[in-house]
Amino acid sequence: MTMPAPPGHNGGPPLEDEDDDPAGWRLWCWRRARRKAWKAPPEIALRRLERAEELGMTYREYTLEILERGRHL
């Protein structure tokens, strides 16, 4: 059984479809957050590089671990 429309609703289809533009606002936010996460001040980047070399990893691998786990190795 379907639910009756709430008061003030004309029962028609929605005017805006959320799934119309999947590459819209959420994708823009995701790309911006990703870019921001990869940008580190020079001192932090050098320390990450140093630590990655100590662990036998690349800078990219080490940074990915930090971003995925949310903590340093």
N, C-alpha and C. Protein backbone atom coordinates (compact mmCIF):
# COMPACT_ATOMS: atom_id res chain seq x y z
N MET A 1 0.85 -1.18 0.00
CA MET A 1 0.00 0.00 0.00
C MET A 1 0.90 1.24 0.00
N THR A 2 0.58 2.19 -0.84
CA THR A 2 1.39 3.40 -0.92
C THR A 2 0.95 4.41 0.11
N MET A 3 1.90 5.23 0.50
CA MET A 3 1.62 6.28 1.48
C MET A 3 0.93 7.45 0.78
N PRO A 4 -0.04 8.06 1.42
CA PRO A 4 -0.67 9.24 0.81
C PRO A 4 0.32 10.41 0.80
N ALA A 5 0.15 11.28 -0.17
CA ALA A 5 1.03 12.45 -0.27
C ALA A 5 0.81 13.36 0.93
N PRO A 6 1.88 14.00 1.43
CA PRO A 6 1.72 14.91 2.57
C PRO A 6 0.91 16.14 2.16
N PRO A 7 0.34 16.84 3.14
CA PRO A 7 -0.44 18.05 2.83
C PRO A 7 0.40 19.05 2.03
N GLY A 8 -0.19 19.64 1.03
CA GLY A 8 0.50 20.63 0.21
C GLY A 8 1.22 20.02 -0.98
N HIS A 9 1.20 18.70 -1.10
CA HIS A 9 1.87 18.03 -2.21
C HIS A 9 0.84 17.75 -3.29
N ASN A 10 1.19 18.04 -4.54
CA ASN A 10 0.22 17.85 -5.61
C ASN A 10 0.23 16.43 -6.18
N GLY A 11 1.12 15.57 -5.69
CA GLY A 11 1.15 14.19 -6.14
C GLY A 11 1.90 13.99 -7.44
N GLY A 12 2.47 15.04 -8.00
CA GLY A 12 3.20 14.92 -9.25
C GLY A 12 4.64 14.48 -9.02
N PRO A 13 5.38 14.28 -10.11
CA PRO A 13 6.78 13.86 -9.97
C PRO A 13 7.63 15.01 -9.43
N PRO A 14 8.78 14.69 -8.84
CA PRO A 14 9.65 15.77 -8.33
C PRO A 14 10.17 16.62 -9.48
N LEU A 15 10.36 17.90 -9.21
CA LEU A 15 10.84 18.81 -10.24
C LEU A 15 12.33 18.64 -10.50
N GLU A 16 13.07 18.29 -9.46
CA GLU A 16 14.51 18.11 -9.59
C GLU A 16 14.87 16.68 -9.26
N ASP A 17 15.64 16.07 -10.12
CA ASP A 17 16.08 14.70 -9.89
C ASP A 17 17.51 14.74 -9.37
N GLU A 18 17.76 14.19 -8.19
CA GLU A 18 19.10 14.23 -7.60
C GLU A 18 20.12 13.48 -8.44
N ASP A 19 19.71 12.42 -9.12
CA ASP A 19 20.65 11.60 -9.88
C ASP A 19 20.85 12.09 -11.31
N ASP A 20 20.31 13.26 -11.64
CA ASP A 20 20.47 13.80 -12.99
C ASP A 20 21.93 14.06 -13.33
N ASP A 21 22.67 14.62 -12.40
CA ASP A 21 24.05 15.01 -12.65
C ASP A 21 24.97 14.35 -11.62
N PRO A 22 25.36 13.09 -11.86
CA PRO A 22 26.21 12.42 -10.87
C PRO A 22 27.59 13.07 -10.74
N ALA A 23 28.03 13.77 -11.77
CA ALA A 23 29.35 14.42 -11.72
C ALA A 23 29.19 15.88 -11.32
N GLY A 24 28.33 16.13 -10.37
CA GLY A 24 28.05 17.50 -9.98
C GLY A 24 28.75 17.91 -8.70
N TRP A 25 27.96 18.39 -7.78
CA TRP A 25 28.47 18.97 -6.54
C TRP A 25 29.30 17.99 -5.73
N ARG A 26 28.82 16.76 -5.55
CA ARG A 26 29.56 15.80 -4.72
C ARG A 26 30.92 15.46 -5.32
N LEU A 27 30.98 15.33 -6.64
CA LEU A 27 32.25 15.04 -7.29
C LEU A 27 33.21 16.21 -7.13
N TRP A 28 32.70 17.42 -7.27
CA TRP A 28 33.54 18.60 -7.09
C TRP A 28 34.10 18.64 -5.68
N CYS A 29 33.25 18.38 -4.68
CA CYS A 29 33.70 18.37 -3.28
C CYS A 29 34.74 17.29 -3.05
N TRP A 30 34.49 16.11 -3.61
CA TRP A 30 35.42 15.00 -3.44
C TRP A 30 36.78 15.33 -4.04
N ARG A 31 36.79 15.88 -5.25
CA ARG A 31 38.06 16.24 -5.90
C ARG A 31 38.81 17.31 -5.11
N ARG A 32 38.08 18.28 -4.60
CA ARG A 32 38.73 19.34 -3.83
C ARG A 32 39.33 18.79 -2.53
N ALA A 33 38.58 17.93 -1.84
CA ALA A 33 39.08 17.34 -0.60
C ALA A 33 40.29 16.46 -0.88
N ARG A 34 40.28 15.72 -1.97
CA ARG A 34 41.41 14.85 -2.33
C ARG A 34 42.65 15.68 -2.61
N ARG A 35 42.47 16.76 -3.37
CA ARG A 35 43.59 17.64 -3.68
C ARG A 35 44.17 18.25 -2.40
N LYS A 36 43.28 18.67 -1.51
CA LYS A 36 43.71 19.28 -0.26
C LYS A 36 44.44 18.28 0.63
N ALA A 37 43.99 17.03 0.63
CA ALA A 37 44.63 16.00 1.46
C ALA A 37 46.05 15.70 0.98
N TRP A 38 46.29 15.80 -0.32
CA TRP A 38 47.61 15.50 -0.87
C TRP A 38 48.58 16.66 -0.73
N LYS A 39 48.07 17.86 -0.50
CA LYS A 39 48.96 19.02 -0.35
C LYS A 39 49.44 19.09 1.09
N ALA A 40 50.72 19.01 1.27
CA ALA A 40 51.29 19.10 2.61
C ALA A 40 52.37 20.18 2.60
N PRO A 41 52.53 20.89 3.71
CA PRO A 41 53.61 21.87 3.78
C PRO A 41 54.96 21.17 3.55
N PRO A 42 55.95 21.90 3.05
CA PRO A 42 57.24 21.29 2.72
C PRO A 42 57.87 20.50 3.87
N GLU A 43 57.76 21.02 5.09
CA GLU A 43 58.38 20.33 6.24
C GLU A 43 57.73 18.96 6.45
N ILE A 44 56.42 18.91 6.33
CA ILE A 44 55.70 17.66 6.53
C ILE A 44 56.00 16.69 5.40
N ALA A 45 56.04 17.20 4.17
CA ALA A 45 56.34 16.35 3.03
C ALA A 45 57.74 15.74 3.16
N LEU A 46 58.71 16.54 3.59
CA LEU A 46 60.07 16.02 3.76
C LEU A 46 60.13 14.96 4.87
N ARG A 47 59.40 15.19 5.95
CA ARG A 47 59.37 14.21 7.04
C ARG A 47 58.71 12.92 6.59
N ARG A 48 57.63 13.03 5.82
CA ARG A 48 56.97 11.83 5.30
C ARG A 48 57.90 11.07 4.36
N LEU A 49 58.63 11.80 3.52
CA LEU A 49 59.57 11.16 2.61
C LEU A 49 60.65 10.43 3.38
N GLU A 50 61.17 11.08 4.40
CA GLU A 50 62.22 10.48 5.25
C GLU A 50 61.70 9.20 5.92
N ARG A 51 60.51 9.29 6.48
CA ARG A 51 59.92 8.13 7.18
C ARG A 51 59.60 7.01 6.19
N ALA A 52 59.12 7.36 5.01
CA ALA A 52 58.81 6.35 4.00
C ALA A 52 60.07 5.60 3.59
N GLU A 53 61.17 6.32 3.42
CA GLU A 53 62.43 5.66 3.06
C GLU A 53 62.90 4.74 4.16
N GLU A 54 62.71 5.14 5.43
CA GLU A 54 63.08 4.28 6.56
C GLU A 54 62.30 2.97 6.54
N LEU A 55 61.03 3.05 6.11
CA LEU A 55 60.17 1.87 6.08
C LEU A 55 60.26 1.10 4.76
N GLY A 56 61.03 1.62 3.81
CA GLY A 56 61.16 0.95 2.51
C GLY A 56 59.95 1.15 1.61
N MET A 57 59.29 2.29 1.76
CA MET A 57 58.11 2.60 0.96
C MET A 57 58.38 3.86 0.15
N THR A 58 57.52 4.10 -0.82
CA THR A 58 57.60 5.37 -1.56
C THR A 58 56.80 6.42 -0.79
N TYR A 59 57.03 7.68 -1.15
CA TYR A 59 56.28 8.77 -0.51
C TYR A 59 54.79 8.57 -0.73
N ARG A 60 54.42 8.21 -1.96
CA ARG A 60 53.00 8.02 -2.30
C ARG A 60 52.38 6.90 -1.47
N GLU A 61 53.07 5.77 -1.35
CA GLU A 61 52.54 4.65 -0.56
C GLU A 61 52.37 5.05 0.90
N TYR A 62 53.36 5.74 1.45
CA TYR A 62 53.31 6.16 2.85
C TYR A 62 52.16 7.15 3.08
N THR A 63 52.02 8.12 2.18
CA THR A 63 50.95 9.10 2.31
C THR A 63 49.59 8.44 2.18
N LEU A 64 49.46 7.48 1.27
CA LEU A 64 48.19 6.76 1.13
C LEU A 64 47.84 6.03 2.42
N GLU A 65 48.83 5.43 3.06
CA GLU A 65 48.59 4.75 4.34
C GLU A 65 48.08 5.73 5.39
N ILE A 66 48.68 6.90 5.44
CA ILE A 66 48.25 7.92 6.41
C ILE A 66 46.81 8.34 6.11
N LEU A 67 46.51 8.59 4.84
CA LEU A 67 45.18 9.04 4.46
C LEU A 67 44.13 7.96 4.69
N GLU A 68 44.47 6.69 4.43
CA GLU A 68 43.51 5.60 4.61
C GLU A 68 43.26 5.29 6.08
N ARG A 69 44.33 5.23 6.87
CA ARG A 69 44.20 4.82 8.27
C ARG A 69 43.90 5.98 9.21
N GLY A 70 44.31 7.18 8.81
CA GLY A 70 44.11 8.34 9.66
C GLY A 70 45.13 8.44 10.78
N ARG A 71 46.21 7.67 10.67
CA ARG A 71 47.27 7.74 11.68
C ARG A 71 48.60 7.39 11.02
N HIS A 72 49.67 7.79 11.65
CA HIS A 72 51.01 7.53 11.10
C HIS A 72 51.46 6.12 11.45
N LEU A 73 52.33 5.57 10.61
CA LEU A 73 52.85 4.22 10.85
C LEU A 73 53.99 4.27 11.83
